[in-house]
Protein backbone atom coordinates (compact mmCIF):
# COMPACT_ATOMS: atom_id res chain seq x y z
CA MET A 1 -52.50 25.31 -31.10
CA SER A 2 -53.32 22.81 -28.47
CA SER A 3 -53.71 24.49 -25.06
CA ARG A 4 -57.04 25.94 -23.93
CA CYS A 5 -57.83 29.25 -22.27
CA GLN A 6 -60.03 29.51 -19.20
CA LYS A 7 -63.54 30.42 -20.42
CA ASN A 8 -64.48 31.90 -17.05
CA ASP A 9 -61.58 34.39 -17.15
CA VAL A 10 -63.23 37.76 -17.81
CA HIS A 11 -60.12 38.92 -19.67
CA VAL A 12 -60.32 36.16 -22.30
CA VAL A 13 -61.52 37.35 -25.70
CA ARG A 14 -61.98 35.88 -29.16
CA ARG A 15 -61.28 37.70 -32.43
CA ARG A 16 -61.79 36.62 -36.04
CA LEU A 17 -59.43 38.33 -38.50
CA LEU A 18 -59.39 38.47 -42.29
CA ILE A 19 -55.94 39.45 -43.53
CA SER A 20 -55.54 40.73 -47.09
CA GLY A 21 -52.52 41.34 -49.28
CA LEU A 22 -49.62 39.07 -50.17
CA VAL A 23 -50.26 36.69 -47.27
CA GLN A 24 -50.32 33.26 -48.90
CA GLY A 25 -47.14 31.45 -49.89
CA VAL A 26 -44.97 33.59 -47.59
CA GLY A 27 -45.13 31.54 -44.37
CA PHE A 28 -47.85 33.68 -42.79
CA ARG A 29 -49.74 30.80 -41.16
CA TRP A 30 -46.60 29.11 -39.81
CA GLU A 31 -45.18 32.30 -38.35
CA TYR A 32 -48.61 33.27 -37.00
CA ARG A 33 -48.74 29.98 -35.13
CA ARG A 34 -45.33 30.61 -33.55
CA VAL A 35 -46.29 34.18 -32.53
CA ALA A 36 -49.72 33.15 -31.22
CA GLU A 37 -48.39 30.23 -29.15
CA ALA A 38 -45.61 32.38 -27.70
CA ALA A 39 -48.24 34.94 -26.67
CA GLY A 40 -50.29 32.27 -24.88
CA THR A 41 -53.25 32.32 -27.25
CA VAL A 42 -55.11 29.52 -29.03
CA GLY A 43 -56.90 29.29 -32.36
CA TRP A 44 -56.11 28.60 -35.99
CA ALA A 45 -55.25 30.21 -39.32
CA ARG A 46 -56.26 29.08 -42.80
CA ASN A 47 -55.88 30.21 -46.38
CA LEU A 48 -59.04 31.33 -48.16
CA ALA A 49 -59.71 30.80 -51.87
CA ASP A 50 -59.74 34.57 -52.46
CA GLY A 51 -56.10 34.96 -51.34
CA ARG A 52 -56.76 36.14 -47.79
CA VAL A 53 -55.81 34.40 -44.55
CA GLU A 54 -58.52 33.88 -41.93
CA VAL A 55 -57.51 33.74 -38.26
CA LEU A 56 -59.50 32.78 -35.19
CA LEU A 57 -57.68 33.91 -32.07
CA GLU A 58 -58.58 33.44 -28.40
CA GLY A 59 -56.79 34.30 -25.19
CA PRO A 60 -56.09 37.06 -22.70
CA ALA A 61 -57.15 40.41 -24.16
CA ASP A 62 -53.65 41.91 -24.11
CA ALA A 63 -52.12 38.82 -25.78
CA VAL A 64 -54.82 38.78 -28.47
CA ALA A 65 -54.24 42.49 -29.12
CA GLY A 66 -50.51 41.86 -29.49
CA VAL A 67 -50.98 39.02 -31.97
CA GLU A 68 -53.53 41.06 -33.91
CA ALA A 69 -51.01 43.91 -34.10
CA TRP A 70 -48.42 41.46 -35.49
CA CYS A 71 -50.96 40.42 -38.16
CA HIS A 72 -50.88 43.97 -39.55
CA THR A 73 -47.29 43.30 -40.65
CA GLY A 74 -46.97 39.51 -40.71
CA PRO A 75 -43.77 37.65 -41.52
CA ARG A 76 -40.82 39.06 -43.43
CA HIS A 77 -42.05 38.39 -46.99
CA ALA A 78 -45.72 39.26 -46.42
CA VAL A 79 -47.29 42.49 -47.63
CA VAL A 80 -50.38 43.06 -45.51
CA THR A 81 -52.77 45.60 -47.02
CA ARG A 82 -55.76 45.20 -44.70
CA VAL A 83 -56.82 43.45 -41.49
CA GLU A 84 -60.53 43.22 -40.75
CA GLY A 85 -61.37 42.04 -37.24
CA ARG A 86 -64.44 41.35 -35.19
CA ASP A 87 -65.08 40.10 -31.68
CA GLU A 88 -66.85 36.77 -31.27
CA SER A 89 -68.46 34.99 -28.33
CA LEU A 90 -66.44 32.39 -26.46
CA GLU A 91 -67.49 28.91 -27.55
CA ASP A 92 -65.69 25.74 -28.57
CA LEU A 93 -63.10 26.38 -31.27
CA GLU A 94 -64.08 25.14 -34.70
CA GLY A 95 -62.13 25.37 -37.91
């Protein structure tokens, strides 16, 4: 995702999510990108060697919450069993 959020906006938050279940090979990352961009957030998603998907998500608090809620279900063929999330400080995005 290419656009940046305003760091001085007090409503901007960053969340790191670890999504477990059948989340690789089902289009999770591609659909996540579409949902996240439509919500006005920035970040990335990547597959982990243990079968989970890791997401770093930044944007307005309500938009981030909406995308995180979507991650609990994911795309049509995903079977999400767990989403672990934590807040992070706002710094330059790295992935």
